Amino acid sequence: MSGAGTVVAGRYDVAVVGGGVVGCAVARRFALEGARIILLERSVDILAGPSKANSALLHTGFDATPGASSWPVFARAMPNISKSMSG
């Protein structure tokens, strides 16, 4: 792994700008699909901006309860969590 401020020479399939929760999730997803990823973050560490302030938690703006209109979206996005919450 390269250090802060270091870019490894080479070709990448995807460049992700921002090492917050969303940027890291996007980079992870592409990497799992086999893409060569470079994650660009201006801070010395990932999750150091707004993601650090909110503890990097998924928050839909309210507490999604089973049966709520947002529950199907939440359940697809977080299958392991939604299984344990639905009883």
Foldseek 3Di string as FASTA:
>chain_A
DDAFPDDDDDDWPDEFEAQALVSVVVQVVVVVVPTGYDYHYPDRDGNPPVSVVVVVDDDPPDDDAPPDPCLVVVCVVDVVVSVVRVD
